[in-house]
């Protein structure tokens, strides 16, 4: 219910304010399970992508956003649920593993799941090495991955800012990476690494970021 109400209001208003440039939206399948794998520059990324995507995209969000007490907490929970987000305790490694199971359930229902392979926001604008959770999900669920390149969202809501600003944002959707039959007979660990590297190369080409060549600080990959 919340999603239907917010999605009729937020995207039109956001598009008027942000005037995002959107490229390659035709690459996003309109039906069936699919992973949208993006670079991560800002907290606002998980709002920007669902605003411009042609279908509902489910992201994971910190469980704190769903458990804050009082009126403010209820409003926050309604907001995040309305955006299609699901709670995850990102400071608990066991919960992080469980979040992959949650993602598989989303994909199993034929929905779109959004993920940031870097694991957390880039604070210096570089693109960090991808964690293999994205490949695990794609290979397990047998769904394609659509790479996404974001530009300008770090100006829309810089790290440390609680209020979005006016900024020009560009979202580029790349051609789907289909995993069906691509890694048959390849050892699982190698398959996950190779697929993840393919995804990160596609994201870099879309975002134009300089590659850091190392992992970012956090390690959850969701």
Protein backbone atom coordinates (compact mmCIF):
# COMPACT_ATOMS: atom_id res chain seq x y z
CA UNK A 1 0.00 0.00 0.00
CA UNK A 2 2.70 2.49 1.03
CA UNK A 3 4.69 1.71 -2.10
CA UNK A 4 1.75 2.43 -4.40
CA UNK A 5 1.00 5.75 -2.70
CA UNK A 6 4.60 7.00 -2.54
CA UNK A 7 5.43 5.88 -6.06
CA UNK A 8 2.60 8.01 -7.43
CA UNK A 9 4.00 11.04 -5.62
CA UNK A 10 7.78 10.80 -5.20
CA UNK A 11 9.02 10.07 -8.77
CA UNK A 12 7.12 12.95 -10.47
CA UNK A 13 8.20 15.45 -7.79
CA UNK A 14 11.79 14.21 -7.76
CA UNK A 15 12.06 14.38 -11.54
CA UNK A 16 10.85 17.99 -11.54
CA UNK A 17 13.35 18.98 -8.82
CA UNK A 18 16.37 16.94 -9.91
CA UNK A 19 15.73 16.78 -13.66
CA UNK A 20 17.76 13.57 -13.90
CA UNK A 21 19.36 12.49 -17.14
CA UNK A 22 18.47 8.84 -17.70
CA UNK A 23 20.10 6.65 -20.34
CA UNK A 24 19.58 3.03 -21.33
CA UNK A 25 16.37 2.50 -19.41
CA UNK A 26 15.32 0.07 -22.15
CA UNK A 27 17.97 -2.33 -20.84
CA UNK A 28 15.93 -3.01 -17.69
CA UNK A 29 13.65 -6.03 -18.22
CA UNK A 30 10.05 -5.11 -17.42
CA UNK A 31 9.28 -8.51 -15.87
CA UNK A 32 11.11 -11.34 -14.15
CA UNK A 33 13.85 -11.45 -11.56
CA UNK A 34 16.74 -9.09 -12.25
CA UNK A 35 19.60 -7.52 -10.28
CA UNK A 36 20.44 -3.85 -10.67
CA UNK A 37 24.09 -3.50 -9.63
CA UNK A 38 25.24 0.08 -9.15
CA UNK A 39 28.13 2.19 -7.97
CA UNK A 40 27.41 3.87 -4.63
CA UNK A 41 28.09 7.55 -4.03
CA UNK A 42 25.31 8.72 -1.73
CA UNK A 43 22.52 7.68 0.62
CA UNK A 44 20.21 9.10 -2.05
CA UNK A 45 21.22 6.39 -4.55
CA UNK A 46 18.56 4.04 -3.19
CA UNK A 47 15.95 6.71 -3.90
CA UNK A 48 17.26 7.88 -7.27
CA UNK A 49 17.35 4.44 -8.89
CA UNK A 50 13.75 3.49 -7.96
CA UNK A 51 12.60 6.95 -9.08
CA UNK A 52 13.92 6.51 -12.63
CA UNK A 53 13.65 2.72 -13.06
CA UNK A 54 10.70 1.44 -15.11
CA UNK A 55 9.69 -1.00 -12.35
CA UNK A 56 9.83 -1.43 -8.59
CA UNK A 57 13.37 -2.00 -7.28
CA UNK A 58 13.89 -3.49 -3.81
CA UNK A 59 16.91 -2.35 -1.81
CA UNK A 60 18.13 -3.31 1.65
CA UNK A 61 18.37 -0.57 4.27
CA UNK A 62 19.76 -0.36 7.80
CA UNK A 63 17.37 -1.92 10.31
CA UNK A 64 17.68 1.23 12.45
CA UNK A 65 15.46 3.01 9.95
CA UNK A 66 12.64 0.58 10.73
CA UNK A 67 12.97 0.40 14.53
CA UNK A 68 13.28 4.04 15.65
CA UNK A 69 10.60 4.68 18.31
CA UNK A 70 7.97 7.39 18.36
CA UNK A 71 6.16 9.34 15.66
CA UNK A 72 9.38 10.05 13.79
CA UNK A 73 10.19 6.35 13.77
CA UNK A 74 6.78 5.43 12.37
CA UNK A 75 7.15 8.03 9.66
CA UNK A 76 10.62 6.74 8.76
CA UNK A 77 9.39 3.18 8.61
CA UNK A 78 6.47 4.15 6.37
CA UNK A 79 8.85 6.07 4.10
CA UNK A 80 11.34 3.24 3.67
CA UNK A 81 8.68 0.56 3.31
CA UNK A 82 6.94 2.81 0.79
CA UNK A 83 10.13 2.93 -1.26
CA UNK A 84 10.22 -0.87 -1.31
CA UNK A 85 13.19 -1.21 1.07
CA UNK A 86 13.78 -4.14 3.39
CA UNK A 87 15.61 -3.97 6.76
CA UNK A 88 19.02 -5.55 7.36
CA UNK A 89 21.41 -5.29 10.31
CA UNK A 90 24.59 -4.37 8.46
CA UNK A 91 26.73 -4.62 11.60
CA UNK A 92 25.90 -8.29 12.15
CA UNK A 93 27.72 -10.70 9.84
CA UNK A 94 25.10 -13.42 10.37
CA UNK A 95 22.31 -11.05 9.50
CA UNK A 96 24.24 -10.01 6.40
CA UNK A 97 24.29 -13.61 5.23
CA UNK A 98 20.57 -13.84 5.95
CA UNK A 99 20.08 -10.72 3.83
CA UNK A 100 21.35 -12.64 0.81
CA UNK A 101 18.58 -15.16 1.47
CA UNK A 102 16.12 -12.26 1.58
CA UNK A 103 17.45 -11.06 -1.75
CA UNK A 104 17.00 -14.53 -3.24
CA UNK A 105 13.39 -14.51 -2.07
CA UNK A 106 12.85 -11.18 -3.83
CA UNK A 107 14.38 -12.52 -7.04
CA UNK A 108 12.42 -15.74 -6.70
CA UNK A 109 9.21 -13.70 -6.76
CA UNK A 110 10.29 -12.27 -10.10
CA UNK A 111 11.13 -8.84 -8.69
CA UNK A 112 14.05 -6.45 -9.23
CA UNK A 113 16.70 -6.27 -6.52
CA UNK A 114 19.17 -3.41 -6.18
CA UNK A 115 22.67 -3.95 -4.82
CA UNK A 116 25.93 -2.04 -4.41
CA UNK A 117 28.80 -4.49 -5.00
CA UNK A 118 31.29 -2.06 -3.41
CA UNK A 119 29.57 -2.71 -0.09
CA UNK A 120 29.27 0.90 1.06
CA UNK A 121 29.43 4.45 -0.25
CA UNK A 122 32.60 5.72 -1.85
CA UNK A 123 33.81 8.74 0.11
CA UNK A 124 36.45 9.81 -2.39
CA UNK A 125 34.56 9.23 -5.64
CA UNK A 126 36.62 6.22 -6.71
CA UNK A 127 35.07 2.91 -7.71
CA UNK A 128 36.11 0.18 -5.30
CA UNK A 129 36.52 -3.51 -6.00
CA UNK A 130 33.28 -5.48 -6.02
CA UNK A 131 32.29 -8.03 -3.41
CA UNK A 132 31.06 -11.32 -4.85
CA UNK A 133 27.60 -11.24 -3.27
CA UNK A 134 26.16 -9.87 -6.51
CA UNK A 135 27.51 -12.85 -8.46
CA UNK A 136 26.31 -15.30 -5.81
CA UNK A 137 22.78 -13.95 -6.17
CA UNK A 138 22.80 -13.99 -9.97
CA UNK A 139 24.26 -17.47 -10.28
CA UNK A 140 22.01 -18.93 -7.58
CA UNK A 141 18.80 -17.33 -8.83
CA UNK A 142 19.72 -17.61 -12.51
CA UNK A 143 18.83 -13.98 -13.22
CA UNK A 144 20.55 -11.31 -15.33
CA UNK A 145 22.47 -8.37 -13.89
CA UNK A 146 21.89 -4.86 -15.21
CA UNK A 147 24.90 -2.63 -14.40
CA UNK A 148 24.07 0.93 -13.35
CA UNK A 149 26.33 3.97 -13.37
CA UNK A 150 25.38 6.95 -11.19
CA UNK A 151 26.89 10.40 -11.51
CA UNK A 152 26.14 13.45 -9.38
CA UNK A 153 24.33 11.81 -6.49
CA UNK A 154 27.26 12.69 -4.21
CA UNK A 155 26.29 16.32 -4.81
CA UNK A 156 22.61 15.60 -4.38
CA UNK A 157 23.19 14.32 -0.86
CA UNK A 158 26.85 14.46 0.22
CA UNK A 159 28.15 12.12 2.91
CA UNK A 160 27.10 13.53 6.29
CA UNK A 161 24.16 15.50 4.92
CA UNK A 162 20.63 14.64 6.05
CA UNK A 163 18.81 16.81 3.53
CA UNK A 164 18.96 16.34 -0.26
CA UNK A 165 20.07 19.32 -2.34
CA UNK A 166 19.38 20.41 -5.88
CA UNK A 167 21.92 18.78 -8.17
CA UNK A 168 22.11 17.40 -11.67
CA UNK A 169 22.03 13.61 -11.62
CA UNK A 170 22.76 11.12 -14.39
CA UNK A 171 21.70 7.48 -14.29
CA UNK A 172 22.98 5.09 -16.95
CA UNK A 173 21.61 1.56 -17.28
CA UNK A 174 23.87 -0.83 -19.14
CA UNK A 175 23.13 -3.90 -21.21
CA UNK A 176 22.10 -6.92 -19.10
CA UNK A 177 24.76 -9.47 -18.24
CA UNK A 178 23.07 -12.83 -18.71
CA UNK A 179 24.57 -15.61 -16.59
CA UNK A 180 22.53 -18.51 -17.99
CA UNK A 181 24.98 -21.21 -19.04
CA UNK A 182 27.93 -18.80 -18.91
CA UNK A 183 29.71 -20.47 -16.02
CA UNK A 184 28.73 -24.11 -16.35
CA UNK A 185 31.65 -26.25 -15.17
CA UNK A 186 33.57 -23.29 -13.72
CA UNK A 187 34.52 -23.69 -10.02
CA UNK A 188 32.03 -21.64 -7.93
CA UNK A 189 34.61 -19.34 -6.36
CA UNK A 190 36.21 -18.53 -9.68
CA UNK A 191 32.82 -18.02 -11.32
CA UNK A 192 31.74 -15.55 -8.65
CA UNK A 193 34.96 -13.59 -8.92
CA UNK A 194 34.98 -13.46 -12.71
CA UNK A 195 31.33 -12.42 -12.90
CA UNK A 196 31.78 -9.76 -10.24
CA UNK A 197 34.75 -8.31 -12.11
CA UNK A 198 32.67 -8.21 -15.31
CA UNK A 199 29.96 -6.32 -13.48
CA UNK A 200 32.41 -3.82 -11.99
CA UNK A 201 34.02 -3.21 -15.39
CA UNK A 202 30.57 -2.45 -16.83
CA UNK A 203 29.77 -0.12 -13.94
CA UNK A 204 33.07 1.72 -14.41
CA UNK A 205 32.36 2.23 -18.10
CA UNK A 206 28.96 3.70 -17.23
CA UNK A 207 30.07 5.87 -14.32
CA UNK A 208 33.48 6.95 -15.63
CA UNK A 209 35.00 6.63 -12.16
CA UNK A 210 38.65 5.97 -11.46
CA UNK A 211 39.15 2.46 -10.09
CA UNK A 212 40.58 2.24 -6.58
CA UNK A 213 41.83 -1.32 -7.09
CA UNK A 214 41.06 -2.27 -3.47
CA UNK A 215 38.00 -3.09 -1.37
CA UNK A 216 36.11 -0.41 0.49
CA UNK A 217 36.05 -0.51 4.30
CA UNK A 218 32.82 -2.37 4.90
CA UNK A 219 32.52 -5.98 3.80
CA UNK A 220 28.85 -6.90 3.43
CA UNK A 221 28.46 -6.25 -0.30
CA UNK A 222 24.74 -5.47 0.07
